[in-house]
Each structure stands twice: as structure tokens, then as C-alpha cells.
Amino acid sequence: MVVDTLEGVLHEASDFIVPQKAGLWCSDSIYSEIGEIICCKKVGRETQSEITFYKSVGIGYLDHGCN
């Protein structure tokens, strides 16, 4: 699982917060923030058979493109 920001998912994403509080999900299953993969700090998919689940909570500063 890859997220836009770890802080955002853990504090704003009710689709993860609710199951976490119920003991059905653990934040340890989050592999990385997307920026770590883009900056090559962590490896993304290594084979076509790997599946990446990406959760974005919509952080405003990530919406701005490079000019």
C-alpha cells in the first residue's frame, strides 16, 4: 500500500481510521509515501504481478504541478 502522505491517511482517511480502531487493519501495512518512490528512496513495483494500492487523501500542496 502506498499513500500520498502517511499523516493524512492516519488522521483524515476514515476508510482506514475506522477499521484501525476496530482492530481490523494496521498501519504497518503501509509500505511508503508516493514521494519516496518517486525520489527513489524506496523501490516501487518490481514485477508486473505486483499490485500497488494507492490511497490519496487530497493534500493541496501535491496538487500543484511544476512550471
PDB file of N, CA and C in Angstrom:
ATOM      1  N   MET A   1       0.851  -1.167   0.000  1.00  0.00           N
ATOM      2  CA  MET A   1       0.000   0.000   0.000  1.00  0.00           C
ATOM      3  C   MET A   1       0.901   1.237   0.000  1.00  0.00           C
ATOM      4  N   VAL A   2       0.581   2.164  -0.863  1.00  0.00           N
ATOM      5  CA  VAL A   2       1.305   3.426  -0.989  1.00  0.00           C
ATOM      6  C   VAL A   2       0.305   4.553  -0.759  1.00  0.00           C
ATOM      7  N   VAL A   3       0.728   5.578  -0.028  1.00  0.00           N
ATOM      8  CA  VAL A   3      -0.163   6.696   0.301  1.00  0.00           C
ATOM      9  C   VAL A   3       0.461   8.007  -0.150  1.00  0.00           C
ATOM     10  N   ASP A   4      -0.370   9.044  -0.287  1.00  0.00           N
ATOM     11  CA  ASP A   4       0.200  10.348  -0.617  1.00  0.00           C
ATOM     12  C   ASP A   4       0.989  10.870   0.580  1.00  0.00           C
ATOM     13  N   THR A   5       0.372  10.908   1.755  1.00  0.00           N
ATOM     14  CA  THR A   5       1.094  11.257   2.985  1.00  0.00           C
ATOM     15  C   THR A   5       0.623  10.336   4.102  1.00  0.00           C
ATOM     16  N   LEU A   6       1.540   9.805   4.839  1.00  0.00           N
ATOM     17  CA  LEU A   6       1.216   8.926   5.952  1.00  0.00           C
ATOM     18  C   LEU A   6       0.363   9.658   6.983  1.00  0.00           C
ATOM     19  N   GLU A   7       0.735  10.870   7.300  1.00  0.00           N
ATOM     20  CA  GLU A   7      -0.010  11.663   8.277  1.00  0.00           C
ATOM     21  C   GLU A   7      -1.463  11.862   7.843  1.00  0.00           C
ATOM     22  N   GLY A   8      -1.657  12.172   6.571  1.00  0.00           N
ATOM     23  CA  GLY A   8      -3.003  12.391   6.059  1.00  0.00           C
ATOM     24  C   GLY A   8      -3.878  11.160   6.166  1.00  0.00           C
ATOM     25  N   VAL A   9      -3.335  10.014   5.780  1.00  0.00           N
ATOM     26  CA  VAL A   9      -4.113   8.779   5.830  1.00  0.00           C
ATOM     27  C   VAL A   9      -4.448   8.401   7.271  1.00  0.00           C
ATOM     28  N   LEU A  10      -3.500   8.564   8.172  1.00  0.00           N
ATOM     29  CA  LEU A  10      -3.726   8.154   9.562  1.00  0.00           C
ATOM     30  C   LEU A  10      -4.629   9.107  10.334  1.00  0.00           C
ATOM     31  N   HIS A  11      -4.798  10.344   9.830  1.00  0.00           N
ATOM     32  CA  HIS A  11      -5.596  11.322  10.563  1.00  0.00           C
ATOM     33  C   HIS A  11      -6.854  11.795   9.831  1.00  0.00           C
ATOM     34  N   GLU A  12      -6.966  11.513   8.517  1.00  0.00           N
ATOM     35  CA  GLU A  12      -8.083  12.042   7.744  1.00  0.00           C
ATOM     36  C   GLU A  12      -8.901  10.985   7.001  1.00  0.00           C
ATOM     37  N   ALA A  13      -8.332   9.839   6.742  1.00  0.00           N
ATOM     38  CA  ALA A  13      -8.991   8.842   5.895  1.00  0.00           C
ATOM     39  C   ALA A  13      -9.824   7.888   6.739  1.00  0.00           C
ATOM     40  N   SER A  14     -11.113   8.199   6.866  1.00  0.00           N
ATOM     41  CA  SER A  14     -11.976   7.380   7.716  1.00  0.00           C
ATOM     42  C   SER A  14     -12.077   5.944   7.224  1.00  0.00           C
ATOM     43  N   ASP A  15     -11.860   5.723   5.905  1.00  0.00           N
ATOM     44  CA  ASP A  15     -11.908   4.353   5.404  1.00  0.00           C
ATOM     45  C   ASP A  15     -10.749   3.516   5.931  1.00  0.00           C
ATOM     46  N   PHE A  16      -9.740   4.140   6.551  1.00  0.00           N
ATOM     47  CA  PHE A  16      -8.670   3.416   7.232  1.00  0.00           C
ATOM     48  C   PHE A  16      -8.744   3.585   8.749  1.00  0.00           C
ATOM     49  N   ILE A  17      -9.151   4.750   9.205  1.00  0.00           N
ATOM     50  CA  ILE A  17      -9.212   5.031  10.643  1.00  0.00           C
ATOM     51  C   ILE A  17     -10.226   4.121  11.346  1.00  0.00           C
ATOM     52  N   VAL A  18     -11.402   3.961  10.780  1.00  0.00           N
ATOM     53  CA  VAL A  18     -12.453   3.150  11.406  1.00  0.00           C
ATOM     54  C   VAL A  18     -12.004   1.693  11.559  1.00  0.00           C
ATOM     55  N   PRO A  19     -11.521   1.031  10.502  1.00  0.00           N
ATOM     56  CA  PRO A  19     -11.084  -0.352  10.673  1.00  0.00           C
ATOM     57  C   PRO A  19      -9.871  -0.475  11.606  1.00  0.00           C
ATOM     58  N   GLN A  20      -9.014   0.539  11.615  1.00  0.00           N
ATOM     59  CA  GLN A  20      -7.853   0.503  12.510  1.00  0.00           C
ATOM     60  C   GLN A  20      -8.315   0.529  13.972  1.00  0.00           C
ATOM     61  N   LYS A  21      -9.247   1.402  14.288  1.00  0.00           N
ATOM     62  CA  LYS A  21      -9.768   1.482  15.659  1.00  0.00           C
ATOM     63  C   LYS A  21     -10.490   0.200  16.065  1.00  0.00           C
ATOM     64  N   ALA A  22     -11.074  -0.501  15.088  1.00  0.00           N
ATOM     65  CA  ALA A  22     -11.769  -1.757  15.357  1.00  0.00           C
ATOM     66  C   ALA A  22     -10.813  -2.949  15.404  1.00  0.00           C
ATOM     67  N   GLY A  23      -9.525  -2.699  15.173  1.00  0.00           N
ATOM     68  CA  GLY A  23      -8.532  -3.768  15.194  1.00  0.00           C
ATOM     69  C   GLY A  23      -8.518  -4.630  13.952  1.00  0.00           C
ATOM     70  N   LEU A  24      -9.108  -4.131  12.854  1.00  0.00           N
ATOM     71  CA  LEU A  24      -9.193  -4.896  11.610  1.00  0.00           C
ATOM     72  C   LEU A  24      -8.094  -4.563  10.609  1.00  0.00           C
ATOM     73  N   TRP A  25      -7.355  -3.514  10.875  1.00  0.00           N
ATOM     74  CA  TRP A  25      -6.333  -3.050   9.946  1.00  0.00           C
ATOM     75  C   TRP A  25      -5.215  -2.418  10.746  1.00  0.00           C
ATOM     76  N   CYS A  26      -3.996  -2.556  10.270  1.00  0.00           N
ATOM     77  CA  CYS A  26      -2.842  -1.988  10.965  1.00  0.00           C
ATOM     78  C   CYS A  26      -2.050  -1.123   9.992  1.00  0.00           C
ATOM     79  N   SER A  27      -1.640   0.032  10.451  1.00  0.00           N
ATOM     80  CA  SER A  27      -0.899   0.952   9.581  1.00  0.00           C
ATOM     81  C   SER A  27       0.456   0.391   9.155  1.00  0.00           C
ATOM     82  N   ASP A  28       0.907  -0.694   9.773  1.00  0.00           N
ATOM     83  CA  ASP A  28       2.158  -1.336   9.356  1.00  0.00           C
ATOM     84  C   ASP A  28       2.082  -1.854   7.926  1.00  0.00           C
ATOM     85  N   SER A  29       0.868  -2.013   7.396  1.00  0.00           N
ATOM     86  CA  SER A  29       0.728  -2.498   6.027  1.00  0.00           C
ATOM     87  C   SER A  29       0.982  -1.409   4.987  1.00  0.00           C
ATOM     88  N   ILE A  30       1.186  -0.165   5.431  1.00  0.00           N
ATOM     89  CA  ILE A  30       1.553   0.914   4.503  1.00  0.00           C
ATOM     90  C   ILE A  30       3.041   0.780   4.198  1.00  0.00           C
ATOM     91  N   TYR A  31       3.348   0.641   2.934  1.00  0.00           N
ATOM     92  CA  TYR A  31       4.737   0.459   2.501  1.00  0.00           C
ATOM     93  C   TYR A  31       5.488   1.777   2.410  1.00  0.00           C
ATOM     94  N   SER A  32       4.836   2.794   1.842  1.00  0.00           N
ATOM     95  CA  SER A  32       5.577   4.002   1.514  1.00  0.00           C
ATOM     96  C   SER A  32       4.642   5.156   1.190  1.00  0.00           C
ATOM     97  N   GLU A  33       5.186   6.350   1.247  1.00  0.00           N
ATOM     98  CA  GLU A  33       4.536   7.508   0.647  1.00  0.00           C
ATOM     99  C   GLU A  33       4.956   7.551  -0.813  1.00  0.00           C
ATOM    100  N   ILE A  34       4.089   8.075  -1.668  1.00  0.00           N
ATOM    101  CA  ILE A  34       4.372   8.100  -3.108  1.00  0.00           C
ATOM    102  C   ILE A  34       5.653   8.878  -3.417  1.00  0.00           C
ATOM    103  N   GLY A  35       5.921   9.941  -2.664  1.00  0.00           N
ATOM    104  CA  GLY A  35       7.122  10.739  -2.888  1.00  0.00           C
ATOM    105  C   GLY A  35       8.410   9.959  -2.685  1.00  0.00           C
ATOM    106  N   GLU A  36       8.401   8.994  -1.758  1.00  0.00           N
ATOM    107  CA  GLU A  36       9.598   8.173  -1.525  1.00  0.00           C
ATOM    108  C   GLU A  36       9.902   7.293  -2.726  1.00  0.00           C
ATOM    109  N   ILE A  37       8.875   6.842  -3.408  1.00  0.00           N
ATOM    110  CA  ILE A  37       9.084   6.026  -4.606  1.00  0.00           C
ATOM    111  C   ILE A  37       9.539   6.906  -5.762  1.00  0.00           C
ATOM    112  N   ILE A  38       8.901   8.061  -5.918  1.00  0.00           N
ATOM    113  CA  ILE A  38       9.274   8.970  -6.999  1.00  0.00           C
ATOM    114  C   ILE A  38      10.732   9.425  -6.861  1.00  0.00           C
ATOM    115  N   CYS A  39      11.162   9.666  -5.621  1.00  0.00           N
ATOM    116  CA  CYS A  39      12.538  10.128  -5.365  1.00  0.00           C
ATOM    117  C   CYS A  39      13.522   8.971  -5.214  1.00  0.00           C
ATOM    118  N   CYS A  40      13.089   7.760  -5.494  1.00  0.00           N
ATOM    119  CA  CYS A  40      13.924   6.551  -5.447  1.00  0.00           C
ATOM    120  C   CYS A  40      14.470   6.245  -4.053  1.00  0.00           C
ATOM    121  N   LYS A  41      13.773   6.680  -3.017  1.00  0.00           N
ATOM    122  CA  LYS A  41      14.162   6.311  -1.656  1.00  0.00           C
ATOM    123  C   LYS A  41      13.655   4.910  -1.320  1.00  0.00           C
ATOM    124  N   LYS A  42      12.571   4.500  -1.995  1.00  0.00           N
ATOM    125  CA  LYS A  42      12.029   3.152  -1.871  1.00  0.00           C
ATOM    126  C   LYS A  42      11.723   2.636  -3.268  1.00  0.00           C
ATOM    127  N   VAL A  43      11.761   1.333  -3.410  1.00  0.00           N
ATOM    128  CA  VAL A  43      11.505   0.694  -4.697  1.00  0.00           C
ATOM    129  C   VAL A  43       9.997   0.557  -4.899  1.00  0.00           C
ATOM    130  N   GLY A  44       9.554   0.857  -6.103  1.00  0.00           N
ATOM    131  CA  GLY A  44       8.161   0.627  -6.454  1.00  0.00           C
ATOM    132  C   GLY A  44       7.973  -0.818  -6.887  1.00  0.00           C
ATOM    133  N   ARG A  45       6.993  -1.056  -7.730  1.00  0.00           N
ATOM    134  CA  ARG A  45       6.768  -2.421  -8.212  1.00  0.00           C
ATOM    135  C   ARG A  45       7.999  -2.930  -8.931  1.00  0.00           C
ATOM    136  N   GLU A  46       8.323  -4.188  -8.693  1.00  0.00           N
ATOM    137  CA  GLU A  46       9.473  -4.797  -9.354  1.00  0.00           C
ATOM    138  C   GLU A  46       9.065  -5.799 -10.424  1.00  0.00           C
ATOM    139  N   THR A  47       7.817  -6.252 -10.394  1.00  0.00           N
ATOM    140  CA  THR A  47       7.314  -7.164 -11.421  1.00  0.00           C
ATOM    141  C   THR A  47       5.889  -6.759 -11.793  1.00  0.00           C
ATOM    142  N   GLN A  48       5.445  -7.198 -12.955  1.00  0.00           N
ATOM    143  CA  GLN A  48       4.088  -6.906 -13.415  1.00  0.00           C
ATOM    144  C   GLN A  48       3.030  -7.562 -12.538  1.00  0.00           C
ATOM    145  N   SER A  49       3.402  -8.626 -11.816  1.00  0.00           N
ATOM    146  CA  SER A  49       2.417  -9.333 -10.992  1.00  0.00           C
ATOM    147  C   SER A  49       2.168  -8.644  -9.650  1.00  0.00           C
ATOM    148  N   GLU A  50       3.022  -7.703  -9.263  1.00  0.00           N
ATOM    149  CA  GLU A  50       2.814  -6.978  -8.016  1.00  0.00           C
ATOM    150  C   GLU A  50       1.686  -5.969  -8.185  1.00  0.00           C
ATOM    151  N   ILE A  51       0.902  -5.815  -7.149  1.00  0.00           N
ATOM    152  CA  ILE A  51      -0.219  -4.885  -7.169  1.00  0.00           C
ATOM    153  C   ILE A  51       0.048  -3.797  -6.142  1.00  0.00           C
ATOM    154  N   THR A  52      -0.137  -2.554  -6.552  1.00  0.00           N
ATOM    155  CA  THR A  52       0.011  -1.432  -5.636  1.00  0.00           C
ATOM    156  C   THR A  52      -1.352  -0.816  -5.405  1.00  0.00           C
ATOM    157  N   PHE A  53      -1.717  -0.691  -4.148  1.00  0.00           N
ATOM    158  CA  PHE A  53      -2.937   0.012  -3.764  1.00  0.00           C
ATOM    159  C   PHE A  53      -2.501   1.398  -3.328  1.00  0.00           C
ATOM    160  N   TYR A  54      -3.038   2.448  -3.966  1.00  0.00           N
ATOM    161  CA  TYR A  54      -2.649   3.824  -3.662  1.00  0.00           C
ATOM    162  C   TYR A  54      -3.821   4.565  -3.054  1.00  0.00           C
ATOM    163  N   LYS A  55      -3.587   5.181  -1.896  1.00  0.00           N
ATOM    164  CA  LYS A  55      -4.621   5.968  -1.225  1.00  0.00           C
ATOM    165  C   LYS A  55      -4.180   7.420  -1.194  1.00  0.00           C
ATOM    166  N   SER A  56      -5.024   8.282  -1.729  1.00  0.00           N
ATOM    167  CA  SER A  56      -4.775   9.722  -1.709  1.00  0.00           C
ATOM    168  C   SER A  56      -5.881  10.394  -0.916  1.00  0.00           C
ATOM    169  N   VAL A  57      -5.477  11.242   0.024  1.00  0.00           N
ATOM    170  CA  VAL A  57      -6.481  11.979   0.790  1.00  0.00           C
ATOM    171  C   VAL A  57      -6.631  13.403   0.279  1.00  0.00           C
ATOM    172  N   GLY A  58      -5.844  13.786  -0.716  1.00  0.00           N
ATOM    173  CA  GLY A  58      -6.010  15.093  -1.341  1.00  0.00           C
ATOM    174  C   GLY A  58      -5.287  16.224  -0.640  1.00  0.00           C
ATOM    175  N   ILE A  59      -4.003  16.086  -0.472  1.00  0.00           N
ATOM    176  CA  ILE A  59      -3.198  17.134   0.132  1.00  0.00           C
ATOM    177  C   ILE A  59      -2.970  18.231  -0.903  1.00  0.00           C
ATOM    178  N   GLY A  60      -3.333  19.462  -0.572  1.00  0.00           N
ATOM    179  CA  GLY A  60      -3.295  20.570  -1.511  1.00  0.00           C
ATOM    180  C   GLY A  60      -1.935  20.820  -2.150  1.00  0.00           C
ATOM    181  N   TYR A  61      -0.855  20.741  -1.385  1.00  0.00           N
ATOM    182  CA  TYR A  61       0.452  21.050  -1.963  1.00  0.00           C
ATOM    183  C   TYR A  61       0.888  20.006  -2.991  1.00  0.00           C
ATOM    184  N   LEU A  62       0.258  18.835  -3.016  1.00  0.00           N
ATOM    185  CA  LEU A  62       0.579  17.850  -4.034  1.00  0.00           C
ATOM    186  C   LEU A  62      -0.177  18.102  -5.342  1.00  0.00           C
ATOM    187  N   ASP A  63      -1.140  19.014  -5.316  1.00  0.00           N
ATOM    188  CA  ASP A  63      -1.939  19.319  -6.499  1.00  0.00           C
ATOM    189  C   ASP A  63      -1.229  20.257  -7.479  1.00  0.00           C
ATOM    190  N   HIS A  64      -0.192  20.919  -7.052  1.00  0.00           N
ATOM    191  CA  HIS A  64       0.480  21.895  -7.903  1.00  0.00           C
ATOM    192  C   HIS A  64       1.552  21.231  -8.744  1.00  0.00           C
ATOM    193  N   GLY A  65       1.481  21.445 -10.037  1.00  0.00           N
ATOM    194  CA  GLY A  65       2.477  20.889 -10.952  1.00  0.00           C
ATOM    195  C   GLY A  65       3.698  21.777 -11.046  1.00  0.00           C
ATOM    196  N   CYS A  66       4.712  21.276 -11.675  1.00  0.00           N
ATOM    197  CA  CYS A  66       5.930  22.065 -11.902  1.00  0.00           C
ATOM    198  C   CYS A  66       5.727  22.945 -13.132  1.00  0.00           C
ATOM    199  N   ASN A  67       6.134  24.156 -13.057  1.00  0.00           N
ATOM    200  CA  ASN A  67       6.029  25.078 -14.196  1.00  0.00           C
ATOM    201  C   ASN A  67       7.383  25.354 -14.789  1.00  0.00           C
TER     202      ASN A  67
END
